[in-house]
Protein backbone atom coordinates (compact mmCIF):
# COMPACT_ATOMS: atom_id res chain seq x y z
CA MET A 1 -13.01 -35.51 -4.77
CA ARG A 2 -11.50 -32.20 -3.44
CA GLY A 3 -12.74 -28.98 -3.51
CA GLY A 4 -10.58 -25.69 -3.90
CA ILE A 5 -9.77 -22.74 -6.47
CA ILE A 6 -6.27 -22.96 -8.34
CA ILE A 7 -5.03 -20.07 -9.57
CA PRO A 8 -2.41 -19.93 -12.29
CA ASP A 9 0.85 -17.82 -12.28
CA THR A 10 -0.06 -15.65 -15.03
CA ALA A 11 -3.12 -14.43 -13.49
CA LYS A 12 -2.05 -13.80 -9.60
CA GLU A 13 -1.44 -10.24 -8.58
CA LYS A 14 1.66 -8.90 -8.55
CA PRO A 15 2.78 -6.18 -5.75
CA GLN A 16 4.64 -2.84 -6.92
CA GLU A 17 7.38 -1.08 -5.36
CA ALA A 18 6.84 2.21 -4.88
CA GLU A 19 8.39 5.39 -2.74
CA VAL A 20 6.85 7.43 0.40
CA VAL A 21 6.09 10.68 -0.75
CA ASN A 22 4.03 12.18 2.28
CA VAL A 23 2.40 10.76 5.26
CA GLY A 24 -0.73 11.51 7.29
CA PRO A 25 -0.82 12.06 11.34
CA GLY A 26 -1.99 8.62 11.43
CA LYS A 27 -5.49 7.03 11.96
CA LEU A 28 -7.57 7.13 14.64
CA ASP A 29 -8.31 4.18 16.92
CA ASP A 30 -11.15 2.95 18.33
CA SER A 31 -10.62 5.30 21.58
CA GLY A 32 -10.64 8.31 19.49
CA LYS A 33 -6.33 8.21 20.49
CA ARG A 34 -4.19 9.15 17.07
CA VAL A 35 -1.55 6.54 15.60
CA PRO A 36 0.94 7.27 13.54
CA CYS A 37 2.18 5.67 10.59
CA GLU A 38 5.00 3.04 10.57
CA VAL A 39 6.65 4.23 7.49
CA LYS A 40 8.20 7.31 6.94
CA LYS A 41 8.91 9.80 4.18
CA GLY A 42 11.34 7.92 1.55
CA ASP A 43 10.39 4.64 2.53
CA ARG A 44 10.68 2.21 -0.21
CA VAL A 45 7.14 -0.23 -0.10
CA LEU A 46 5.24 -3.01 -1.60
CA ILE A 47 2.19 -2.64 -2.69
CA GLY A 48 -0.86 -4.66 -4.63
CA LYS A 49 -0.70 -3.62 -8.08
CA TYR A 50 -4.44 -2.54 -7.92
CA SER A 51 -4.05 -1.21 -4.20
CA GLY A 52 -5.07 2.65 -3.15
CA THR A 53 -6.37 5.23 -5.81
CA GLU A 54 -4.51 6.93 -8.28
CA ILE A 55 -4.30 10.89 -8.88
CA LYS A 56 -2.58 13.02 -11.04
CA ILE A 57 -1.40 16.28 -9.72
CA ASP A 58 0.62 18.87 -12.10
CA ASN A 59 1.01 15.72 -14.41
CA GLU A 60 2.49 13.74 -12.07
CA GLU A 61 1.00 10.57 -11.07
CA PHE A 62 0.43 9.74 -7.38
CA VAL A 63 -1.48 6.75 -5.53
CA ILE A 64 -2.96 7.29 -1.99
CA VAL A 65 -3.12 4.51 -0.23
CA ARG A 66 -3.82 3.32 3.64
CA GLU A 67 -1.38 2.03 5.48
CA ASP A 68 -2.77 -1.38 6.31
CA GLU A 69 -2.50 -1.46 2.09
CA ILE A 70 1.43 -2.09 2.39
CA LEU A 71 2.68 -4.95 2.17
CA GLY A 72 6.18 -4.46 3.16
CA VAL A 73 8.82 -2.03 3.65
CA ILE A 74 11.67 -2.95 1.09
CA GLU A 75 14.98 -2.77 3.45
CA LYS A 76 17.56 -0.25 2.41
């Protein structure tokens, strides 16, 4: 008998496409050195459906995500 979990396609999280509108200076590594972001303003990226934190500024909705939550960059 085999064990495991089977997740149907309808229950899988689908990634969402998003445009990077701004980036921070990067995160600090264990030694305190700043590691710059690899994505830049204008990049099209894929993020998980439930990634990040949703905020609303001047009636416009944004999602703030950490760089490690980005699944990939879409080539132009």
